[in-house]
Amino acid sequence: AALALLPLLPGGAALAAALPQAGLRPAVFAAYALACAGACVMEVRSTPAGPGEPGEKAGRWLFTLILCICLATEVCA
């Protein structure tokens, strides 16, 4: 689980370094950060349970991908 969450650290550091140069919408940025972190934690904590699990996992991943992309495009004013 720690190995799967490890990419959040350099990503967060790069994002923090880029924040002062960009005009941000704070509420949208908070929603984006929460959605990205929540999606990563949810994927790590989910366990394969049976034959229907791959389809559910793919649907969940696709939803979180679209959500994070939509929020990311709206972060900068």
PDB file of N, CA and C in Angstrom:
ATOM      1  N   ALA A   1       0.830  -1.192   0.000  1.00  0.00           N
ATOM      2  CA  ALA A   1       0.000   0.000   0.000  1.00  0.00           C
ATOM      3  C   ALA A   1       0.875   1.257   0.000  1.00  0.00           C
ATOM      4  N   ALA A   2       1.961   1.224   0.760  1.00  0.00           N
ATOM      5  CA  ALA A   2       2.835   2.401   0.814  1.00  0.00           C
ATOM      6  C   ALA A   2       3.494   2.650  -0.546  1.00  0.00           C
ATOM      7  N   LEU A   3       3.824   1.600  -1.249  1.00  0.00           N
ATOM      8  CA  LEU A   3       4.447   1.747  -2.569  1.00  0.00           C
ATOM      9  C   LEU A   3       3.463   2.353  -3.568  1.00  0.00           C
ATOM     10  N   ALA A   4       2.206   1.996  -3.444  1.00  0.00           N
ATOM     11  CA  ALA A   4       1.204   2.551  -4.350  1.00  0.00           C
ATOM     12  C   ALA A   4       0.923   4.019  -4.062  1.00  0.00           C
ATOM     13  N   LEU A   5       1.036   4.429  -2.809  1.00  0.00           N
ATOM     14  CA  LEU A   5       0.774   5.820  -2.444  1.00  0.00           C
ATOM     15  C   LEU A   5       2.009   6.709  -2.543  1.00  0.00           C
ATOM     16  N   LEU A   6       3.173   6.122  -2.750  1.00  0.00           N
ATOM     17  CA  LEU A   6       4.424   6.871  -2.816  1.00  0.00           C
ATOM     18  C   LEU A   6       4.437   7.966  -3.890  1.00  0.00           C
ATOM     19  N   PRO A   7       3.842   7.773  -5.077  1.00  0.00           N
ATOM     20  CA  PRO A   7       3.859   8.854  -6.076  1.00  0.00           C
ATOM     21  C   PRO A   7       3.121  10.125  -5.652  1.00  0.00           C
ATOM     22  N   LEU A   8       2.305  10.046  -4.613  1.00  0.00           N
ATOM     23  CA  LEU A   8       1.632  11.257  -4.136  1.00  0.00           C
ATOM     24  C   LEU A   8       2.615  12.261  -3.555  1.00  0.00           C
ATOM     25  N   LEU A   9       3.719  11.787  -2.999  1.00  0.00           N
ATOM     26  CA  LEU A   9       4.696  12.701  -2.384  1.00  0.00           C
ATOM     27  C   LEU A   9       5.384  13.607  -3.402  1.00  0.00           C
ATOM     28  N   PRO A  10       6.027  13.075  -4.451  1.00  0.00           N
ATOM     29  CA  PRO A  10       6.646  14.004  -5.418  1.00  0.00           C
ATOM     30  C   PRO A  10       5.614  14.818  -6.184  1.00  0.00           C
ATOM     31  N   GLY A  11       4.440  14.243  -6.416  1.00  0.00           N
ATOM     32  CA  GLY A  11       3.387  15.000  -7.091  1.00  0.00           C
ATOM     33  C   GLY A  11       2.920  16.171  -6.248  1.00  0.00           C
ATOM     34  N   GLY A  12       2.749  15.939  -4.964  1.00  0.00           N
ATOM     35  CA  GLY A  12       2.350  17.015  -4.058  1.00  0.00           C
ATOM     36  C   GLY A  12       3.422  18.078  -3.929  1.00  0.00           C
ATOM     37  N   ALA A  13       4.689  17.653  -3.907  1.00  0.00           N
ATOM     38  CA  ALA A  13       5.794  18.613  -3.825  1.00  0.00           C
ATOM     39  C   ALA A  13       5.869  19.476  -5.086  1.00  0.00           C
ATOM     40  N   ALA A  14       5.705  18.860  -6.245  1.00  0.00           N
ATOM     41  CA  ALA A  14       5.727  19.617  -7.500  1.00  0.00           C
ATOM     42  C   ALA A  14       4.542  20.574  -7.582  1.00  0.00           C
ATOM     43  N   LEU A  15       3.402  20.126  -7.102  1.00  0.00           N
ATOM     44  CA  LEU A  15       2.219  20.977  -7.106  1.00  0.00           C
ATOM     45  C   LEU A  15       2.394  22.159  -6.167  1.00  0.00           C
ATOM     46  N   ALA A  16       2.969  21.910  -5.003  1.00  0.00           N
ATOM     47  CA  ALA A  16       3.213  23.000  -4.046  1.00  0.00           C
ATOM     48  C   ALA A  16       4.211  24.007  -4.595  1.00  0.00           C
ATOM     49  N   ALA A  17       5.193  23.537  -5.374  1.00  0.00           N
ATOM     50  CA  ALA A  17       6.171  24.449  -5.965  1.00  0.00           C
ATOM     51  C   ALA A  17       5.545  25.291  -7.071  1.00  0.00           C
ATOM     52  N   ALA A  18       4.550  24.760  -7.760  1.00  0.00           N
ATOM     53  CA  ALA A  18       3.929  25.476  -8.867  1.00  0.00           C
ATOM     54  C   ALA A  18       2.804  26.404  -8.412  1.00  0.00           C
ATOM     55  N   LEU A  19       2.303  26.242  -7.205  1.00  0.00           N
ATOM     56  CA  LEU A  19       1.154  27.030  -6.752  1.00  0.00           C
ATOM     57  C   LEU A  19       1.392  28.535  -6.699  1.00  0.00           C
ATOM     58  N   PRO A  20       2.532  29.005  -6.226  1.00  0.00           N
ATOM     59  CA  PRO A  20       2.688  30.468  -6.152  1.00  0.00           C
ATOM     60  C   PRO A  20       2.655  31.167  -7.515  1.00  0.00           C
ATOM     61  N   GLN A  21       2.974  30.465  -8.600  1.00  0.00           N
ATOM     62  CA  GLN A  21       3.005  31.090  -9.911  1.00  0.00           C
ATOM     63  C   GLN A  21       1.643  31.107 -10.601  1.00  0.00           C
ATOM     64  N   ALA A  22       0.685  30.367 -10.086  1.00  0.00           N
ATOM     65  CA  ALA A  22      -0.608  30.251 -10.761  1.00  0.00           C
ATOM     66  C   ALA A  22      -1.708  30.902  -9.932  1.00  0.00           C
ATOM     67  N   GLY A  23      -2.649  31.516 -10.631  1.00  0.00           N
ATOM     68  CA  GLY A  23      -3.833  32.037  -9.945  1.00  0.00           C
ATOM     69  C   GLY A  23      -4.790  30.878  -9.720  1.00  0.00           C
ATOM     70  N   LEU A  24      -5.143  30.632  -8.481  1.00  0.00           N
ATOM     71  CA  LEU A  24      -5.947  29.460  -8.164  1.00  0.00           C
ATOM     72  C   LEU A  24      -7.334  29.831  -7.669  1.00  0.00           C
ATOM     73  N   ARG A  25      -8.242  28.911  -7.854  1.00  0.00           N
ATOM     74  CA  ARG A  25      -9.554  28.977  -7.228  1.00  0.00           C
ATOM     75  C   ARG A  25      -9.488  28.023  -6.042  1.00  0.00           C
ATOM     76  N   PRO A  26      -9.420  28.543  -4.823  1.00  0.00           N
ATOM     77  CA  PRO A  26      -9.144  27.705  -3.644  1.00  0.00           C
ATOM     78  C   PRO A  26     -10.144  26.573  -3.420  1.00  0.00           C
ATOM     79  N   ALA A  27     -11.425  26.824  -3.627  1.00  0.00           N
ATOM     80  CA  ALA A  27     -12.419  25.780  -3.388  1.00  0.00           C
ATOM     81  C   ALA A  27     -12.265  24.636  -4.387  1.00  0.00           C
ATOM     82  N   VAL A  28     -12.014  24.971  -5.631  1.00  0.00           N
ATOM     83  CA  VAL A  28     -11.841  23.940  -6.656  1.00  0.00           C
ATOM     84  C   VAL A  28     -10.537  23.190  -6.431  1.00  0.00           C
ATOM     85  N   PHE A  29      -9.502  23.904  -6.015  1.00  0.00           N
ATOM     86  CA  PHE A  29      -8.233  23.241  -5.733  1.00  0.00           C
ATOM     87  C   PHE A  29      -8.373  22.266  -4.568  1.00  0.00           C
ATOM     88  N   ALA A  30      -9.107  22.652  -3.539  1.00  0.00           N
ATOM     89  CA  ALA A  30      -9.318  21.747  -2.405  1.00  0.00           C
ATOM     90  C   ALA A  30     -10.104  20.509  -2.836  1.00  0.00           C
ATOM     91  N   ALA A  31     -11.109  20.697  -3.685  1.00  0.00           N
ATOM     92  CA  ALA A  31     -11.872  19.555  -4.195  1.00  0.00           C
ATOM     93  C   ALA A  31     -10.990  18.650  -5.042  1.00  0.00           C
ATOM     94  N   TYR A  32     -10.109  19.242  -5.854  1.00  0.00           N
ATOM     95  CA  TYR A  32      -9.192  18.456  -6.686  1.00  0.00           C
ATOM     96  C   TYR A  32      -8.226  17.645  -5.827  1.00  0.00           C
ATOM     97  N   ALA A  33      -7.629  18.282  -4.837  1.00  0.00           N
ATOM     98  CA  ALA A  33      -6.680  17.577  -3.972  1.00  0.00           C
ATOM     99  C   ALA A  33      -7.371  16.457  -3.204  1.00  0.00           C
ATOM    100  N   LEU A  34      -8.561  16.721  -2.709  1.00  0.00           N
ATOM    101  CA  LEU A  34      -9.312  15.703  -1.978  1.00  0.00           C
ATOM    102  C   LEU A  34      -9.706  14.547  -2.887  1.00  0.00           C
ATOM    103  N   ALA A  35     -10.130  14.851  -4.106  1.00  0.00           N
ATOM    104  CA  ALA A  35     -10.523  13.798  -5.047  1.00  0.00           C
ATOM    105  C   ALA A  35      -9.328  12.934  -5.435  1.00  0.00           C
ATOM    106  N   CYS A  36      -8.193  13.538  -5.699  1.00  0.00           N
ATOM    107  CA  CYS A  36      -6.998  12.763  -6.080  1.00  0.00           C
ATOM    108  C   CYS A  36      -6.510  11.885  -4.933  1.00  0.00           C
ATOM    109  N   ALA A  37      -6.400  12.456  -3.762  1.00  0.00           N
ATOM    110  CA  ALA A  37      -5.939  11.677  -2.608  1.00  0.00           C
ATOM    111  C   ALA A  37      -6.950  10.600  -2.234  1.00  0.00           C
ATOM    112  N   GLY A  38      -8.218  10.937  -2.269  1.00  0.00           N
ATOM    113  CA  GLY A  38      -9.254   9.961  -1.949  1.00  0.00           C
ATOM    114  C   GLY A  38      -9.294   8.816  -2.933  1.00  0.00           C
ATOM    115  N   ALA A  39      -9.114   9.124  -4.217  1.00  0.00           N
ATOM    116  CA  ALA A  39      -9.109   8.067  -5.233  1.00  0.00           C
ATOM    117  C   ALA A  39      -7.922   7.129  -5.038  1.00  0.00           C
ATOM    118  N   CYS A  40      -6.768   7.694  -4.726  1.00  0.00           N
ATOM    119  CA  CYS A  40      -5.583   6.849  -4.507  1.00  0.00           C
ATOM    120  C   CYS A  40      -5.772   5.945  -3.293  1.00  0.00           C
ATOM    121  N   VAL A  41      -6.278   6.500  -2.216  1.00  0.00           N
ATOM    122  CA  VAL A  41      -6.492   5.701  -1.002  1.00  0.00           C
ATOM    123  C   VAL A  41      -7.564   4.638  -1.242  1.00  0.00           C
ATOM    124  N   MET A  42      -8.611   4.988  -1.966  1.00  0.00           N
ATOM    125  CA  MET A  42      -9.672   4.032  -2.242  1.00  0.00           C
ATOM    126  C   MET A  42      -9.165   2.866  -3.095  1.00  0.00           C
ATOM    127  N   GLU A  43      -8.322   3.158  -4.070  1.00  0.00           N
ATOM    128  CA  GLU A  43      -7.772   2.092  -4.903  1.00  0.00           C
ATOM    129  C   GLU A  43      -6.841   1.183  -4.114  1.00  0.00           C
ATOM    130  N   VAL A  44      -6.089   1.754  -3.195  1.00  0.00           N
ATOM    131  CA  VAL A  44      -5.178   0.947  -2.387  1.00  0.00           C
ATOM    132  C   VAL A  44      -5.952   0.052  -1.433  1.00  0.00           C
ATOM    133  N   ARG A  45      -7.007   0.584  -0.852  1.00  0.00           N
ATOM    134  CA  ARG A  45      -7.756  -0.167   0.159  1.00  0.00           C
ATOM    135  C   ARG A  45      -8.706  -1.200  -0.432  1.00  0.00           C
ATOM    136  N   SER A  46      -9.047  -1.090  -1.724  1.00  0.00           N
ATOM    137  CA  SER A  46      -9.964  -2.062  -2.324  1.00  0.00           C
ATOM    138  C   SER A  46      -9.230  -3.379  -2.565  1.00  0.00           C
ATOM    139  N   THR A  47      -9.928  -4.461  -2.329  1.00  0.00           N
ATOM    140  CA  THR A  47      -9.351  -5.784  -2.520  1.00  0.00           C
ATOM    141  C   THR A  47     -10.199  -6.553  -3.512  1.00  0.00           C
ATOM    142  N   PRO A  48      -9.588  -7.342  -4.364  1.00  0.00           N
ATOM    143  CA  PRO A  48     -10.374  -8.146  -5.299  1.00  0.00           C
ATOM    144  C   PRO A  48     -11.182  -9.204  -4.536  1.00  0.00           C
ATOM    145  N   ALA A  49     -12.493  -9.199  -4.739  1.00  0.00           N
ATOM    146  CA  ALA A  49     -13.351 -10.096  -3.977  1.00  0.00           C
ATOM    147  C   ALA A  49     -13.914 -11.234  -4.816  1.00  0.00           C
ATOM    148  N   GLY A  50     -14.123 -11.024  -6.092  1.00  0.00           N
ATOM    149  CA  GLY A  50     -14.733 -12.081  -6.881  1.00  0.00           C
ATOM    150  C   GLY A  50     -14.703 -11.768  -8.363  1.00  0.00           C
ATOM    151  N   PRO A  51     -15.501 -12.502  -9.132  1.00  0.00           N
ATOM    152  CA  PRO A  51     -15.454 -12.345 -10.590  1.00  0.00           C
ATOM    153  C   PRO A  51     -15.968 -10.996 -11.083  1.00  0.00           C
ATOM    154  N   GLY A  52     -16.843 -10.334 -10.357  1.00  0.00           N
ATOM    155  CA  GLY A  52     -17.360  -9.041 -10.799  1.00  0.00           C
ATOM    156  C   GLY A  52     -16.455  -7.877 -10.444  1.00  0.00           C
ATOM    157  N   GLU A  53     -15.415  -8.120  -9.688  1.00  0.00           N
ATOM    158  CA  GLU A  53     -14.558  -7.045  -9.189  1.00  0.00           C
ATOM    159  C   GLU A  53     -13.784  -6.299 -10.283  1.00  0.00           C
ATOM    160  N   PRO A  54     -13.226  -6.945 -11.304  1.00  0.00           N
ATOM    161  CA  PRO A  54     -12.469  -6.165 -12.311  1.00  0.00           C
ATOM    162  C   PRO A  54     -13.316  -5.098 -13.004  1.00  0.00           C
ATOM    163  N   GLY A  55     -14.556  -5.398 -13.305  1.00  0.00           N
ATOM    164  CA  GLY A  55     -15.427  -4.410 -13.942  1.00  0.00           C
ATOM    165  C   GLY A  55     -15.744  -3.257 -13.013  1.00  0.00           C
ATOM    166  N   GLU A  56     -15.980  -3.564 -11.763  1.00  0.00           N
ATOM    167  CA  GLU A  56     -16.254  -2.507 -10.786  1.00  0.00           C
ATOM    168  C   GLU A  56     -15.034  -1.633 -10.573  1.00  0.00           C
ATOM    169  N   LYS A  57     -13.868  -2.247 -10.502  1.00  0.00           N
ATOM    170  CA  LYS A  57     -12.628  -1.495 -10.293  1.00  0.00           C
ATOM    171  C   LYS A  57     -12.338  -0.601 -11.497  1.00  0.00           C
ATOM    172  N   ALA A  58     -12.573  -1.123 -12.713  1.00  0.00           N
ATOM    173  CA  ALA A  58     -12.354  -0.318 -13.920  1.00  0.00           C
ATOM    174  C   ALA A  58     -13.325   0.853 -13.978  1.00  0.00           C
ATOM    175  N   GLY A  59     -14.570   0.632 -13.616  1.00  0.00           N
ATOM    176  CA  GLY A  59     -15.549   1.722 -13.594  1.00  0.00           C
ATOM    177  C   GLY A  59     -15.204   2.784 -12.568  1.00  0.00           C
ATOM    178  N   ARG A  60     -14.769   2.345 -11.401  1.00  0.00           N
ATOM    179  CA  ARG A  60     -14.368   3.283 -10.345  1.00  0.00           C
ATOM    180  C   ARG A  60     -13.149   4.087 -10.780  1.00  0.00           C
ATOM    181  N   TRP A  61     -12.178   3.433 -11.408  1.00  0.00           N
ATOM    182  CA  TRP A  61     -10.976   4.113 -11.868  1.00  0.00           C
ATOM    183  C   TRP A  61     -11.319   5.130 -12.957  1.00  0.00           C
ATOM    184  N   LEU A  62     -12.184   4.743 -13.890  1.00  0.00           N
ATOM    185  CA  LEU A  62     -12.557   5.657 -14.966  1.00  0.00           C
ATOM    186  C   LEU A  62     -13.308   6.870 -14.427  1.00  0.00           C
ATOM    187  N   PHE A  63     -14.204   6.647 -13.469  1.00  0.00           N
ATOM    188  CA  PHE A  63     -14.936   7.767 -12.872  1.00  0.00           C
ATOM    189  C   PHE A  63     -13.986   8.734 -12.172  1.00  0.00           C
ATOM    190  N   THR A  64     -13.062   8.205 -11.377  1.00  0.00           N
ATOM    191  CA  THR A  64     -12.145   9.090 -10.662  1.00  0.00           C
ATOM    192  C   THR A  64     -11.191   9.793 -11.626  1.00  0.00           C
ATOM    193  N   LEU A  65     -10.806   9.137 -12.705  1.00  0.00           N
ATOM    194  CA  LEU A  65      -9.957   9.779 -13.714  1.00  0.00           C
ATOM    195  C   LEU A  65     -10.680  10.967 -14.332  1.00  0.00           C
ATOM    196  N   ILE A  66     -11.917  10.768 -14.734  1.00  0.00           N
ATOM    197  CA  ILE A  66     -12.685  11.853 -15.353  1.00  0.00           C
ATOM    198  C   ILE A  66     -12.935  12.978 -14.348  1.00  0.00           C
ATOM    199  N   LEU A  67     -13.262  12.618 -13.107  1.00  0.00           N
ATOM    200  CA  LEU A  67     -13.493  13.627 -12.077  1.00  0.00           C
ATOM    201  C   LEU A  67     -12.240  14.471 -11.838  1.00  0.00           C
ATOM    202  N   CYS A  68     -11.087  13.814 -11.708  1.00  0.00           N
ATOM    203  CA  CYS A  68      -9.845  14.551 -11.448  1.00  0.00           C
ATOM    204  C   CYS A  68      -9.443  15.424 -12.636  1.00  0.00           C
ATOM    205  N   ILE A  69      -9.649  14.947 -13.843  1.00  0.00           N
ATOM    206  CA  ILE A  69      -9.322  15.762 -15.021  1.00  0.00           C
ATOM    207  C   ILE A  69     -10.242  16.979 -15.096  1.00  0.00           C
ATOM    208  N   CYS A  70     -11.535  16.777 -14.858  1.00  0.00           N
ATOM    209  CA  CYS A  70     -12.469  17.909 -14.897  1.00  0.00           C
ATOM    210  C   CYS A  70     -12.134  18.947 -13.831  1.00  0.00           C
ATOM    211  N   LEU A  71     -11.815  18.501 -12.631  1.00  0.00           N
ATOM    212  CA  LEU A  71     -11.448  19.443 -11.579  1.00  0.00           C
ATOM    213  C   LEU A  71     -10.120  20.134 -11.882  1.00  0.00           C
ATOM    214  N   ALA A  72      -9.163  19.395 -12.429  1.00  0.00           N
ATOM    215  CA  ALA A  72      -7.848  19.979 -12.724  1.00  0.00           C
ATOM    216  C   ALA A  72      -7.951  21.081 -13.772  1.00  0.00           C
ATOM    217  N   THR A  73      -8.861  20.937 -14.723  1.00  0.00           N
ATOM    218  CA  THR A  73      -8.992  21.982 -15.745  1.00  0.00           C
ATOM    219  C   THR A  73      -9.630  23.244 -15.201  1.00  0.00           C
ATOM    220  N   GLU A  74     -10.298  23.153 -14.062  1.00  0.00           N
ATOM    221  CA  GLU A  74     -10.972  24.307 -13.485  1.00  0.00           C
ATOM    222  C   GLU A  74     -10.211  24.956 -12.326  1.00  0.00           C
ATOM    223  N   VAL A  75      -9.071  24.407 -11.937  1.00  0.00           N
ATOM    224  CA  VAL A  75      -8.342  24.917 -10.775  1.00  0.00           C
ATOM    225  C   VAL A  75      -7.814  26.322 -11.009  1.00  0.00           C
ATOM    226  N   CYS A  76      -7.186  26.558 -12.144  1.00  0.00           N
ATOM    227  CA  CYS A  76      -6.607  27.883 -12.419  1.00  0.00           C
ATOM    228  C   CYS A  76      -7.681  28.818 -12.956  1.00  0.00           C
ATOM    229  N   ALA A  77      -7.663  30.024 -12.461  1.00  0.00           N
ATOM    230  CA  ALA A  77      -8.654  31.009 -12.880  1.00  0.00           C
ATOM    231  C   ALA A  77      -8.322  31.596 -14.234  1.00  0.00           C
TER     232      ALA A  77
END
